[in-house]
């Protein structure tokens, strides 16, 4: 319903310091189609995982040209993903949905890198926004794209007279809109819940420690 969609995109929908309205819409769609019987919900999780496995294969194949190695890697991921609970738990739809748009963003970025242009970059932005609205962890994607620029896309060696340093600066600047969207996503999660201090086994976790943990996690 329109009321349900409005709630999904409102700050009230945030749970566990995460703002993921598209994941809520996905759950609503499941409930509309299958009711509360778990079979359909689990089957859709499996379908998303299968789709992510295919997308991973296409991404690796198109980016590296190594068809059989890409197929083996994707098959290993499909048979036993690193986070099994993401597939086994219906409540982890946000992870599957986030991975789906994450991989679509990477594929569209590879498409853009071959022939940069506004329409192709817009497609990258659109998939990235959908990913952020599915799972905030997709915010790391701009840094992943910088790694892809180094390998396997090797964009620092594209034809032209510009030095590697200049090209590197341009590639970093190219990620600025994506990074701005990632910051907005993080801000949405924080503002939706208010600034609530995290706690651990030994009590409140200081802000400096949380920032240090975030830096380590990125590395």
N, C-alpha and C. Protein backbone atom coordinates (compact mmCIF):
# COMPACT_ATOMS: atom_id res chain seq x y z
N UNK A 1 0.85 -1.19 0.00
CA UNK A 1 0.00 0.00 0.00
C UNK A 1 0.89 1.24 0.00
N UNK A 2 0.28 2.37 -0.33
CA UNK A 2 1.05 3.61 -0.32
C UNK A 2 1.54 3.96 1.08
N UNK A 3 0.73 3.65 2.09
CA UNK A 3 1.14 3.92 3.46
C UNK A 3 2.36 3.06 3.84
N UNK A 4 2.33 1.81 3.41
CA UNK A 4 3.45 0.91 3.71
C UNK A 4 4.73 1.37 3.02
N UNK A 5 4.60 1.81 1.77
CA UNK A 5 5.77 2.31 1.04
C UNK A 5 6.31 3.58 1.69
N UNK A 6 5.40 4.45 2.13
CA UNK A 6 5.82 5.67 2.81
C UNK A 6 6.57 5.34 4.09
N UNK A 7 6.08 4.33 4.82
CA UNK A 7 6.78 3.92 6.05
C UNK A 7 8.16 3.37 5.73
N UNK A 8 8.27 2.56 4.67
CA UNK A 8 9.54 1.93 4.32
C UNK A 8 10.62 2.97 4.06
N UNK A 9 10.25 4.10 3.46
CA UNK A 9 11.23 5.13 3.14
C UNK A 9 11.34 6.21 4.22
N UNK A 10 10.61 6.04 5.31
CA UNK A 10 10.66 7.01 6.40
C UNK A 10 11.75 6.61 7.40
N UNK A 11 12.21 7.56 8.24
CA UNK A 11 13.20 7.22 9.27
C UNK A 11 12.71 6.16 10.24
N UNK A 12 11.40 6.02 10.40
CA UNK A 12 10.86 5.04 11.35
C UNK A 12 11.18 3.60 10.96
N UNK A 13 11.55 3.37 9.69
CA UNK A 13 11.80 1.99 9.24
C UNK A 13 13.19 1.50 9.60
N UNK A 14 14.06 2.40 10.07
CA UNK A 14 15.44 2.00 10.37
C UNK A 14 15.47 1.00 11.52
N UNK A 15 16.28 -0.04 11.35
CA UNK A 15 16.44 -1.06 12.38
C UNK A 15 17.92 -1.41 12.49
N UNK A 16 18.41 -1.51 13.73
CA UNK A 16 19.80 -1.90 13.93
C UNK A 16 20.79 -0.93 13.30
N UNK A 17 20.49 0.37 13.37
CA UNK A 17 21.37 1.42 12.82
C UNK A 17 21.53 1.29 11.31
N UNK A 18 20.52 0.74 10.65
CA UNK A 18 20.57 0.58 9.20
C UNK A 18 19.28 1.09 8.57
N UNK A 19 19.47 1.84 7.49
CA UNK A 19 18.33 2.36 6.72
C UNK A 19 18.31 1.63 5.38
N UNK A 20 17.35 0.72 5.17
CA UNK A 20 17.32 -0.08 3.95
C UNK A 20 15.87 -0.24 3.45
N UNK A 21 15.28 0.84 2.94
CA UNK A 21 13.87 0.80 2.53
C UNK A 21 13.56 -0.21 1.43
N UNK A 22 14.49 -0.42 0.47
CA UNK A 22 14.20 -1.38 -0.60
C UNK A 22 14.11 -2.80 -0.06
N UNK A 23 14.87 -3.09 0.99
CA UNK A 23 14.76 -4.42 1.61
C UNK A 23 13.38 -4.60 2.22
N UNK A 24 12.85 -3.55 2.86
CA UNK A 24 11.49 -3.63 3.41
C UNK A 24 10.47 -3.82 2.30
N UNK A 25 10.64 -3.11 1.19
CA UNK A 25 9.72 -3.26 0.06
C UNK A 25 9.76 -4.70 -0.46
N UNK A 26 10.95 -5.28 -0.48
CA UNK A 26 11.09 -6.66 -0.92
C UNK A 26 10.33 -7.61 0.01
N UNK A 27 10.45 -7.40 1.32
CA UNK A 27 9.71 -8.23 2.28
C UNK A 27 8.20 -8.05 2.12
N UNK A 28 7.80 -6.81 1.90
CA UNK A 28 6.37 -6.54 1.71
C UNK A 28 5.83 -7.28 0.49
N UNK A 29 6.64 -7.27 -0.58
CA UNK A 29 6.24 -7.96 -1.80
C UNK A 29 6.10 -9.46 -1.55
N UNK A 30 7.05 -10.02 -0.80
CA UNK A 30 6.97 -11.44 -0.43
C UNK A 30 5.67 -11.73 0.31
N UNK A 31 5.39 -10.90 1.31
CA UNK A 31 4.19 -11.12 2.12
C UNK A 31 2.93 -11.00 1.28
N UNK A 32 2.95 -10.08 0.32
CA UNK A 32 1.80 -9.91 -0.56
C UNK A 32 1.60 -11.14 -1.46
N UNK A 33 2.72 -11.72 -1.95
CA UNK A 33 2.64 -12.85 -2.88
C UNK A 33 2.45 -14.18 -2.17
N UNK A 34 3.14 -14.36 -1.05
CA UNK A 34 3.19 -15.69 -0.42
C UNK A 34 2.54 -15.73 0.96
N UNK A 35 2.09 -14.58 1.46
CA UNK A 35 1.59 -14.57 2.83
C UNK A 35 2.73 -14.80 3.80
N UNK A 36 2.44 -15.44 4.94
CA UNK A 36 3.49 -15.70 5.92
C UNK A 36 4.03 -17.12 5.84
N UNK A 37 3.65 -17.88 4.82
CA UNK A 37 4.23 -19.21 4.61
C UNK A 37 5.68 -19.03 4.17
N UNK A 38 6.63 -19.68 4.85
CA UNK A 38 8.05 -19.40 4.61
C UNK A 38 8.59 -19.89 3.27
N UNK A 39 7.91 -20.85 2.63
CA UNK A 39 8.46 -21.45 1.42
C UNK A 39 8.81 -20.40 0.35
N UNK A 40 7.84 -19.53 0.03
CA UNK A 40 8.07 -18.54 -1.01
C UNK A 40 9.18 -17.57 -0.66
N UNK A 41 9.26 -17.16 0.60
CA UNK A 41 10.30 -16.23 1.04
C UNK A 41 11.69 -16.86 0.85
N UNK A 42 11.81 -18.13 1.23
CA UNK A 42 13.09 -18.81 1.09
C UNK A 42 13.45 -19.05 -0.38
N UNK A 43 12.45 -19.39 -1.18
CA UNK A 43 12.71 -19.61 -2.60
C UNK A 43 13.20 -18.33 -3.27
N UNK A 44 12.63 -17.19 -2.89
CA UNK A 44 13.08 -15.93 -3.47
C UNK A 44 14.50 -15.60 -3.01
N UNK A 45 14.84 -15.92 -1.76
CA UNK A 45 16.22 -15.76 -1.31
C UNK A 45 17.16 -16.59 -2.18
N UNK A 46 16.78 -17.85 -2.43
CA UNK A 46 17.61 -18.72 -3.25
C UNK A 46 17.72 -18.18 -4.68
N UNK A 47 16.63 -17.61 -5.19
CA UNK A 47 16.65 -17.04 -6.54
C UNK A 47 17.60 -15.85 -6.61
N UNK A 48 17.58 -15.01 -5.60
CA UNK A 48 18.50 -13.87 -5.56
C UNK A 48 19.94 -14.36 -5.51
N UNK A 49 20.19 -15.41 -4.71
CA UNK A 49 21.55 -15.94 -4.62
C UNK A 49 22.01 -16.52 -5.95
N UNK A 50 21.11 -17.21 -6.64
CA UNK A 50 21.44 -17.73 -7.96
C UNK A 50 21.74 -16.58 -8.93
N UNK A 51 20.92 -15.53 -8.88
CA UNK A 51 21.16 -14.37 -9.73
C UNK A 51 22.49 -13.71 -9.41
N UNK A 52 22.84 -13.61 -8.13
CA UNK A 52 24.12 -13.01 -7.74
C UNK A 52 25.28 -13.86 -8.23
N UNK A 53 25.11 -15.18 -8.22
CA UNK A 53 26.16 -16.07 -8.70
C UNK A 53 26.41 -15.86 -10.19
N UNK A 54 25.33 -15.72 -10.96
CA UNK A 54 25.45 -15.46 -12.39
C UNK A 54 26.10 -14.10 -12.64
N UNK A 55 25.68 -13.08 -11.88
CA UNK A 55 26.27 -11.76 -12.04
C UNK A 55 27.75 -11.76 -11.71
N UNK A 56 28.13 -12.51 -10.67
CA UNK A 56 29.55 -12.60 -10.32
C UNK A 56 30.36 -13.23 -11.45
N UNK A 57 29.82 -14.29 -12.03
CA UNK A 57 30.51 -14.93 -13.17
C UNK A 57 30.67 -13.94 -14.32
N UNK A 58 29.59 -13.24 -14.67
CA UNK A 58 29.67 -12.29 -15.79
C UNK A 58 30.66 -11.17 -15.50
N UNK A 59 30.67 -10.68 -14.26
CA UNK A 59 31.59 -9.61 -13.89
C UNK A 59 33.04 -10.06 -14.03
N UNK A 60 33.36 -11.21 -13.45
CA UNK A 60 34.74 -11.71 -13.49
C UNK A 60 35.16 -12.03 -14.92
N UNK A 61 34.26 -12.63 -15.68
CA UNK A 61 34.58 -13.00 -17.06
C UNK A 61 34.82 -11.76 -17.92
N UNK A 62 33.90 -10.80 -17.85
CA UNK A 62 34.02 -9.61 -18.69
C UNK A 62 35.21 -8.74 -18.27
N UNK A 63 35.53 -8.75 -16.97
CA UNK A 63 36.62 -7.88 -16.49
C UNK A 63 37.99 -8.49 -16.74
N UNK A 64 38.10 -9.83 -16.70
CA UNK A 64 39.41 -10.47 -16.82
C UNK A 64 39.59 -11.24 -18.11
N UNK A 65 38.50 -11.66 -18.74
CA UNK A 65 38.60 -12.48 -19.94
C UNK A 65 38.87 -13.94 -19.67
N UNK A 66 39.03 -14.30 -18.38
CA UNK A 66 39.30 -15.69 -18.00
C UNK A 66 37.99 -16.40 -17.73
N UNK A 67 37.43 -17.04 -18.77
CA UNK A 67 36.08 -17.61 -18.65
C UNK A 67 36.02 -18.74 -17.63
N UNK A 68 36.92 -19.72 -17.74
CA UNK A 68 36.80 -20.91 -16.91
C UNK A 68 37.18 -20.64 -15.46
N UNK A 69 38.18 -19.80 -15.24
CA UNK A 69 38.52 -19.43 -13.87
C UNK A 69 37.38 -18.63 -13.23
N UNK A 70 36.76 -17.79 -14.01
CA UNK A 70 35.62 -17.02 -13.52
C UNK A 70 34.46 -17.93 -13.18
N UNK A 71 34.23 -18.93 -14.04
CA UNK A 71 33.15 -19.88 -13.80
C UNK A 71 33.41 -20.69 -12.53
N UNK A 72 34.65 -21.11 -12.32
CA UNK A 72 34.99 -21.88 -11.12
C UNK A 72 34.80 -21.03 -9.86
N UNK A 73 35.25 -19.79 -9.92
CA UNK A 73 35.11 -18.89 -8.76
C UNK A 73 33.64 -18.66 -8.43
N UNK A 74 32.84 -18.38 -9.46
CA UNK A 74 31.42 -18.14 -9.24
C UNK A 74 30.73 -19.40 -8.72
N UNK A 75 31.14 -20.57 -9.24
CA UNK A 75 30.54 -21.83 -8.78
C UNK A 75 30.84 -22.07 -7.31
N UNK A 76 32.07 -21.76 -6.88
CA UNK A 76 32.44 -21.91 -5.47
C UNK A 76 31.60 -20.98 -4.60
N UNK A 77 31.41 -19.76 -5.07
CA UNK A 77 30.58 -18.80 -4.35
C UNK A 77 29.13 -19.28 -4.28
N UNK A 78 28.63 -19.80 -5.39
CA UNK A 78 27.25 -20.26 -5.43
C UNK A 78 27.02 -21.46 -4.53
N UNK A 79 28.00 -22.38 -4.49
CA UNK A 79 27.85 -23.58 -3.68
C UNK A 79 27.96 -23.28 -2.20
N UNK A 80 28.86 -22.39 -1.84
CA UNK A 80 29.05 -22.10 -0.42
C UNK A 80 29.51 -20.65 -0.25
N UNK A 81 28.57 -19.71 -0.20
CA UNK A 81 28.95 -18.31 -0.01
C UNK A 81 29.61 -18.09 1.34
N UNK A 82 30.42 -17.04 1.43
CA UNK A 82 31.13 -16.76 2.69
C UNK A 82 30.14 -16.52 3.83
N UNK A 83 29.03 -15.84 3.53
CA UNK A 83 28.01 -15.59 4.55
C UNK A 83 26.79 -16.43 4.28
N UNK A 84 26.79 -17.68 4.76
CA UNK A 84 25.70 -18.60 4.46
C UNK A 84 24.37 -18.07 4.99
N UNK A 85 24.41 -17.39 6.15
CA UNK A 85 23.16 -16.91 6.74
C UNK A 85 22.46 -15.89 5.85
N UNK A 86 23.21 -15.24 4.97
CA UNK A 86 22.58 -14.28 4.06
C UNK A 86 21.57 -14.95 3.14
N UNK A 87 21.82 -16.24 2.82
CA UNK A 87 20.91 -16.99 1.97
C UNK A 87 19.89 -17.76 2.81
N UNK A 88 20.35 -18.31 3.93
CA UNK A 88 19.51 -19.21 4.73
C UNK A 88 18.46 -18.48 5.56
N UNK A 89 18.71 -17.24 5.92
CA UNK A 89 17.78 -16.49 6.77
C UNK A 89 16.95 -15.54 5.91
N UNK A 90 15.65 -15.64 6.00
CA UNK A 90 14.78 -14.73 5.26
C UNK A 90 15.04 -13.27 5.66
N UNK A 91 15.34 -13.08 6.94
CA UNK A 91 15.56 -11.73 7.47
C UNK A 91 16.81 -11.07 6.89
N UNK A 92 17.66 -11.86 6.21
CA UNK A 92 18.87 -11.29 5.62
C UNK A 92 18.69 -10.92 4.16
N UNK A 93 17.45 -10.71 3.73
CA UNK A 93 17.18 -10.30 2.36
C UNK A 93 17.97 -9.04 2.00
N UNK A 94 18.17 -8.16 2.98
CA UNK A 94 18.89 -6.92 2.70
C UNK A 94 20.30 -7.19 2.17
N UNK A 95 20.94 -8.26 2.67
CA UNK A 95 22.29 -8.59 2.21
C UNK A 95 22.27 -9.10 0.78
N UNK A 96 21.32 -9.98 0.46
CA UNK A 96 21.21 -10.49 -0.91
C UNK A 96 20.86 -9.38 -1.88
N UNK A 97 19.94 -8.51 -1.48
CA UNK A 97 19.52 -7.41 -2.34
C UNK A 97 20.66 -6.41 -2.53
N UNK A 98 21.38 -6.13 -1.43
CA UNK A 98 22.53 -5.23 -1.53
C UNK A 98 23.59 -5.80 -2.45
N UNK A 99 23.86 -7.12 -2.34
CA UNK A 99 24.85 -7.76 -3.20
C UNK A 99 24.40 -7.73 -4.66
N UNK A 100 23.10 -7.90 -4.90
CA UNK A 100 22.55 -7.87 -6.25
C UNK A 100 22.85 -6.53 -6.93
N UNK A 101 22.55 -5.44 -6.25
CA UNK A 101 22.79 -4.12 -6.84
C UNK A 101 24.28 -3.76 -6.81
N UNK A 102 25.01 -4.28 -5.84
CA UNK A 102 26.46 -4.09 -5.79
C UNK A 102 27.10 -4.66 -7.06
N UNK A 103 26.74 -5.88 -7.40
CA UNK A 103 27.30 -6.52 -8.59
C UNK A 103 26.83 -5.84 -9.87
N UNK A 104 25.55 -5.42 -9.89
CA UNK A 104 25.07 -4.68 -11.06
C UNK A 104 25.82 -3.37 -11.24
N UNK A 105 26.15 -2.71 -10.13
CA UNK A 105 26.93 -1.48 -10.21
C UNK A 105 28.32 -1.75 -10.77
N UNK A 106 28.96 -2.82 -10.32
CA UNK A 106 30.28 -3.16 -10.83
C UNK A 106 30.23 -3.50 -12.32
N UNK A 107 29.21 -4.24 -12.74
CA UNK A 107 29.07 -4.57 -14.16
C UNK A 107 28.84 -3.32 -15.00
N UNK A 108 27.98 -2.44 -14.53
CA UNK A 108 27.71 -1.21 -15.27
C UNK A 108 28.95 -0.30 -15.28
N UNK A 109 29.76 -0.36 -14.21
CA UNK A 109 30.99 0.43 -14.19
C UNK A 109 31.99 -0.09 -15.21
N UNK A 110 32.07 -1.40 -15.34
CA UNK A 110 32.94 -1.97 -16.37
C UNK A 110 32.47 -1.53 -17.75
N UNK A 111 31.15 -1.49 -17.95
CA UNK A 111 30.55 -1.00 -19.20
C UNK A 111 30.91 0.47 -19.41
N UNK A 112 30.86 1.27 -18.35
CA UNK A 112 31.22 2.69 -18.43
C UNK A 112 32.71 2.88 -18.71
N UNK A 113 33.56 2.07 -18.06
CA UNK A 113 35.00 2.24 -18.20
C UNK A 113 35.46 2.01 -19.64
N UNK A 114 34.75 1.17 -20.37
CA UNK A 114 35.11 0.91 -21.77
C UNK A 114 34.90 2.14 -22.64
N UNK A 115 33.85 2.90 -22.35
CA UNK A 115 33.54 4.10 -23.12
C UNK A 115 32.83 5.09 -22.20
N UNK A 116 33.59 5.88 -21.44
CA UNK A 116 32.98 6.80 -20.48
C UNK A 116 32.00 7.77 -21.14
N UNK A 117 30.91 8.03 -20.44
CA UNK A 117 29.90 8.96 -20.92
C UNK A 117 28.84 9.16 -19.86
N UNK A 118 28.09 10.25 -19.97
CA UNK A 118 27.08 10.58 -18.96
C UNK A 118 26.01 9.50 -18.83
N UNK A 119 25.43 8.99 -19.92
CA UNK A 119 24.39 7.96 -19.76
C UNK A 119 24.89 6.72 -19.02
N UNK A 120 26.09 6.28 -19.33
CA UNK A 120 26.62 5.09 -18.67
C UNK A 120 26.95 5.37 -17.21
N UNK A 121 27.45 6.56 -16.93
CA UNK A 121 27.75 6.91 -15.54
C UNK A 121 26.45 7.04 -14.74
N UNK A 122 25.41 7.55 -15.38
CA UNK A 122 24.11 7.64 -14.72
C UNK A 122 23.59 6.27 -14.32
N UNK A 123 23.84 5.27 -15.18
CA UNK A 123 23.44 3.90 -14.87
C UNK A 123 24.19 3.39 -13.64
N UNK A 124 25.48 3.71 -13.55
CA UNK A 124 26.28 3.34 -12.37
C UNK A 124 25.68 3.97 -11.12
N UNK A 125 25.36 5.25 -11.19
CA UNK A 125 24.78 5.95 -10.04
C UNK A 125 23.43 5.35 -9.64
N UNK A 126 22.61 5.01 -10.62
CA UNK A 126 21.28 4.47 -10.33
C UNK A 126 21.37 3.14 -9.58
N UNK A 127 22.23 2.25 -10.06
CA UNK A 127 22.39 0.95 -9.39
C UNK A 127 23.00 1.14 -8.00
N UNK A 128 23.91 2.09 -7.87
CA UNK A 128 24.55 2.34 -6.58
C UNK A 128 23.53 2.85 -5.56
N UNK A 129 22.65 3.74 -5.98
CA UNK A 129 21.61 4.26 -5.09
C UNK A 129 20.69 3.12 -4.64
N UNK A 130 20.32 2.26 -5.58
CA UNK A 130 19.48 1.10 -5.22
C UNK A 130 20.20 0.20 -4.22
N UNK A 131 21.50 0.05 -4.39
CA UNK A 131 22.27 -0.74 -3.45
C UNK A 131 22.30 -0.14 -2.08
N UNK A 132 22.50 1.17 -1.99
CA UNK A 132 22.52 1.86 -0.71
C UNK A 132 21.17 1.76 -0.01
N UNK A 133 20.09 1.78 -0.79
CA UNK A 133 18.75 1.68 -0.21
C UNK A 133 18.38 0.24 0.15
N UNK A 134 19.26 -0.69 -0.22
CA UNK A 134 19.04 -2.10 0.12
C UNK A 134 19.85 -2.52 1.34
N UNK A 135 21.10 -2.02 1.42
CA UNK A 135 21.98 -2.35 2.54
C UNK A 135 23.07 -1.29 2.61
N UNK A 136 23.21 -0.60 3.74
CA UNK A 136 24.20 0.48 3.85
C UNK A 136 25.64 0.03 3.63
N UNK A 137 25.93 -1.26 3.75
CA UNK A 137 27.30 -1.73 3.58
C UNK A 137 27.80 -1.51 2.15
N UNK A 138 26.88 -1.29 1.23
CA UNK A 138 27.26 -1.01 -0.17
C UNK A 138 28.04 0.29 -0.27
N UNK A 139 28.08 1.08 0.80
CA UNK A 139 28.80 2.35 0.80
C UNK A 139 30.29 2.18 0.52
N UNK A 140 30.84 0.98 0.69
CA UNK A 140 32.27 0.77 0.42
C UNK A 140 32.57 0.72 -1.07
N UNK A 141 31.55 0.69 -1.91
CA UNK A 141 31.73 0.46 -3.34
C UNK A 141 32.66 1.45 -4.04
N UNK A 142 32.64 2.77 -3.74
CA UNK A 142 33.58 3.67 -4.43
C UNK A 142 35.04 3.25 -4.28
N UNK A 143 35.40 2.70 -3.13
CA UNK A 143 36.77 2.25 -2.93
C UNK A 143 37.05 0.97 -3.71
N UNK A 144 36.04 0.12 -3.85
CA UNK A 144 36.18 -1.09 -4.66
C UNK A 144 36.41 -0.71 -6.13
N UNK A 145 35.73 0.33 -6.58
CA UNK A 145 35.90 0.76 -7.97
C UNK A 145 37.32 1.26 -8.22
N UNK A 146 37.92 1.93 -7.24
CA UNK A 146 39.30 2.37 -7.39
C UNK A 146 40.24 1.17 -7.53
N UNK A 147 39.95 0.10 -6.78
CA UNK A 147 40.76 -1.10 -6.90
C UNK A 147 40.58 -1.73 -8.28
N UNK A 148 39.34 -1.72 -8.80
CA UNK A 148 39.09 -2.26 -10.13
C UNK A 148 39.81 -1.45 -11.21
N UNK A 149 39.94 -0.13 -10.98
CA UNK A 149 40.68 0.71 -11.92
C UNK A 149 42.12 0.24 -12.05
N UNK A 150 42.71 -0.20 -10.93
CA UNK A 150 44.08 -0.70 -10.96
C UNK A 150 44.15 -2.07 -11.63
N UNK A 151 43.27 -2.97 -11.21
CA UNK A 151 43.18 -4.31 -11.78
C UNK A 151 41.79 -4.85 -11.56
N UNK A 152 41.17 -5.42 -12.54
CA UNK A 152 41.74 -5.80 -13.85
C UNK A 152 41.50 -4.78 -14.97
N UNK A 153 40.80 -3.67 -14.70
CA UNK A 153 40.48 -2.73 -15.77
C UNK A 153 41.71 -1.97 -16.26
N UNK A 154 42.71 -1.80 -15.36
CA UNK A 154 43.98 -1.18 -15.74
C UNK A 154 43.77 0.18 -16.41
N UNK A 155 42.96 1.02 -15.78
CA UNK A 155 42.62 2.31 -16.40
C UNK A 155 43.74 3.34 -16.31
N UNK A 156 44.76 3.08 -15.51
CA UNK A 156 45.89 4.01 -15.46
C UNK A 156 46.75 3.94 -16.72
N UNK A 157 46.58 2.89 -17.50
CA UNK A 157 47.39 2.71 -18.70
C UNK A 157 46.59 2.93 -19.97
N UNK A 158 45.46 3.58 -19.86
CA UNK A 158 44.67 3.87 -21.06
C UNK A 158 45.43 4.83 -21.96
N UNK A 159 45.24 4.75 -23.28
CA UNK A 159 45.98 5.62 -24.20
C UNK A 159 45.77 7.09 -23.89
N UNK A 160 46.83 7.85 -24.07
CA UNK A 160 46.74 9.29 -23.82
C UNK A 160 48.06 9.81 -23.30
N UNK A 161 48.21 11.12 -23.28
CA UNK A 161 49.46 11.74 -22.88
C UNK A 161 49.53 12.03 -21.38
N UNK A 162 48.42 11.96 -20.70
CA UNK A 162 48.41 12.29 -19.27
C UNK A 162 49.23 11.27 -18.49
N UNK A 163 49.90 11.74 -17.44
CA UNK A 163 50.71 10.87 -16.60
C UNK A 163 49.80 10.01 -15.73
N UNK A 164 50.42 8.99 -15.13
CA UNK A 164 49.65 8.11 -14.25
C UNK A 164 49.09 8.88 -13.07
N UNK A 165 49.85 9.87 -12.58
CA UNK A 165 49.37 10.66 -11.44
C UNK A 165 48.14 11.46 -11.82
N UNK A 166 48.17 12.07 -13.00
CA UNK A 166 47.02 12.85 -13.47
C UNK A 166 45.82 11.94 -13.69
N UNK A 167 46.05 10.80 -14.32
CA UNK A 167 44.96 9.87 -14.55
C UNK A 167 44.38 9.36 -13.24
N UNK A 168 45.28 9.10 -12.25
CA UNK A 168 44.82 8.65 -10.94
C UNK A 168 43.95 9.69 -10.28
N UNK A 169 44.32 10.97 -10.41
CA UNK A 169 43.51 12.05 -9.84
C UNK A 169 42.15 12.13 -10.49
N UNK A 170 42.13 11.95 -11.80
CA UNK A 170 40.84 11.98 -12.51
C UNK A 170 39.95 10.81 -12.10
N UNK A 171 40.56 9.66 -11.92
CA UNK A 171 39.77 8.49 -11.52
C UNK A 171 39.21 8.67 -10.12
N UNK A 172 40.02 9.29 -9.24
CA UNK A 172 39.53 9.54 -7.88
C UNK A 172 38.41 10.57 -7.90
N UNK A 173 38.57 11.63 -8.70
CA UNK A 173 37.52 12.66 -8.81
C UNK A 173 36.25 12.08 -9.39
N UNK A 174 36.39 11.12 -10.27
CA UNK A 174 35.25 10.45 -10.90
C UNK A 174 34.37 9.76 -9.87
N UNK A 175 34.97 9.35 -8.73
CA UNK A 175 34.23 8.64 -7.68
C UNK A 175 33.57 9.59 -6.69
N UNK A 176 33.82 10.91 -6.81
CA UNK A 176 33.30 11.88 -5.83
C UNK A 176 31.78 11.82 -5.68
N UNK A 177 30.99 11.79 -6.78
CA UNK A 177 29.53 11.69 -6.60
C UNK A 177 29.11 10.43 -5.87
N UNK A 178 29.80 9.32 -6.14
CA UNK A 178 29.49 8.07 -5.47
C UNK A 178 29.81 8.16 -3.98
N UNK A 179 30.95 8.77 -3.67
CA UNK A 179 31.33 8.92 -2.27
C UNK A 179 30.35 9.83 -1.54
N UNK A 180 29.87 10.88 -2.21
CA UNK A 180 28.89 11.78 -1.59
C UNK A 180 27.60 11.02 -1.27
N UNK A 181 27.18 10.15 -2.18
CA UNK A 181 25.98 9.34 -1.93
C UNK A 181 26.20 8.38 -0.76
N UNK A 182 27.41 7.83 -0.66
CA UNK A 182 27.73 6.92 0.44
C UNK A 182 27.65 7.65 1.78
N UNK A 183 28.15 8.88 1.81
CA UNK A 183 28.09 9.69 3.03
C UNK A 183 26.65 10.00 3.40
N UNK A 184 25.82 10.32 2.40
CA UNK A 184 24.41 10.58 2.65
C UNK A 184 23.72 9.34 3.21
N UNK A 185 24.07 8.17 2.69
CA UNK A 185 23.49 6.93 3.19
C UNK A 185 23.84 6.71 4.65
N UNK A 186 25.10 6.93 4.98
CA UNK A 186 25.52 6.78 6.38
C UNK A 186 24.81 7.79 7.26
N UNK A 187 24.66 9.02 6.76
CA UNK A 187 23.95 10.05 7.53
C UNK A 187 22.50 9.70 7.75
N UNK A 188 21.87 9.07 6.75
CA UNK A 188 20.47 8.68 6.89
C UNK A 188 20.30 7.66 8.02
N UNK A 189 21.23 6.72 8.10
CA UNK A 189 21.15 5.72 9.16
C UNK A 189 21.33 6.36 10.54
N UNK A 190 22.28 7.30 10.63
CA UNK A 190 22.55 7.96 11.91
C UNK A 190 21.38 8.83 12.33
N UNK A 191 20.89 9.64 11.41
CA UNK A 191 19.81 10.57 11.73
C UNK A 191 18.50 9.85 12.03
N UNK A 192 18.29 8.70 11.39
CA UNK A 192 17.03 8.00 11.58
C UNK A 192 16.91 7.43 12.99
N UNK A 193 18.03 7.13 13.60
CA UNK A 193 18.00 6.55 14.94
C UNK A 193 18.41 7.53 16.03
N UNK A 194 18.98 8.65 15.62
CA UNK A 194 19.55 9.53 16.62
C UNK A 194 20.95 9.04 16.95
N UNK A 195 21.71 9.86 17.59
CA UNK A 195 23.10 9.49 17.91
C UNK A 195 23.10 8.66 19.18
N UNK A 196 22.96 7.35 19.02
CA UNK A 196 22.91 6.46 20.17
C UNK A 196 24.27 5.80 20.36
N UNK A 197 24.86 5.91 21.55
CA UNK A 197 26.18 5.33 21.77
C UNK A 197 26.13 3.81 21.70
N UNK A 198 27.12 3.23 21.02
CA UNK A 198 27.23 1.78 20.97
C UNK A 198 27.80 1.28 22.29
N UNK A 199 27.42 0.09 22.68
CA UNK A 199 27.93 -0.49 23.91
C UNK A 199 28.50 -1.87 23.62
N UNK A 200 29.48 -2.23 24.41
CA UNK A 200 30.10 -3.54 24.29
C UNK A 200 30.05 -4.25 25.62
N UNK A 201 30.78 -5.36 25.71
CA UNK A 201 30.76 -6.16 26.94
C UNK A 201 31.28 -5.36 28.13
N UNK A 202 32.18 -4.42 27.86
CA UNK A 202 32.78 -3.65 28.96
C UNK A 202 32.17 -2.27 29.12
N UNK A 203 31.06 -2.00 28.42
CA UNK A 203 30.41 -0.70 28.56
C UNK A 203 30.42 0.07 27.25
N UNK A 204 30.18 1.40 27.32
CA UNK A 204 30.12 2.23 26.11
C UNK A 204 31.42 2.18 25.31
N UNK A 205 31.28 2.18 23.97
CA UNK A 205 32.44 2.17 23.08
C UNK A 205 32.75 3.61 22.68
N UNK A 206 33.95 4.13 23.01
CA UNK A 206 34.28 5.52 22.69
C UNK A 206 34.27 5.79 21.19
N UNK A 207 34.01 7.05 20.82
CA UNK A 207 33.93 7.42 19.42
C UNK A 207 35.26 7.18 18.70
N UNK A 208 36.40 7.49 19.38
CA UNK A 208 37.69 7.31 18.72
C UNK A 208 37.95 5.84 18.39
N UNK A 209 37.49 4.94 19.26
CA UNK A 209 37.67 3.51 18.99
C UNK A 209 36.79 3.07 17.82
N UNK A 210 35.57 3.61 17.75
CA UNK A 210 34.69 3.26 16.64
C UNK A 210 35.27 3.74 15.31
N UNK A 211 35.86 4.95 15.31
CA UNK A 211 36.49 5.47 14.09
C UNK A 211 37.69 4.62 13.70
N UNK A 212 38.46 4.18 14.70
CA UNK A 212 39.61 3.33 14.42
C UNK A 212 39.16 1.99 13.84
N UNK A 213 38.08 1.44 14.39
CA UNK A 213 37.55 0.17 13.87
C UNK A 213 37.09 0.34 12.43
N UNK A 214 36.46 1.46 12.12
CA UNK A 214 36.00 1.72 10.74
C UNK A 214 37.18 1.78 9.79
N UNK A 215 38.27 2.45 10.21
CA UNK A 215 39.46 2.54 9.35
C UNK A 215 40.06 1.18 9.09
N UNK A 216 40.16 0.36 10.14
CA UNK A 216 40.70 -1.00 9.99
C UNK A 216 39.81 -1.83 9.07
N UNK A 217 38.48 -1.68 9.23
CA UNK A 217 37.55 -2.46 8.41
C UNK A 217 37.71 -2.12 6.92
N UNK A 218 37.93 -0.84 6.59
CA UNK A 218 38.11 -0.47 5.19
C UNK A 218 39.36 -1.13 4.62
N UNK A 219 40.46 -1.15 5.40
CA UNK A 219 41.68 -1.79 4.92
C UNK A 219 41.46 -3.27 4.68
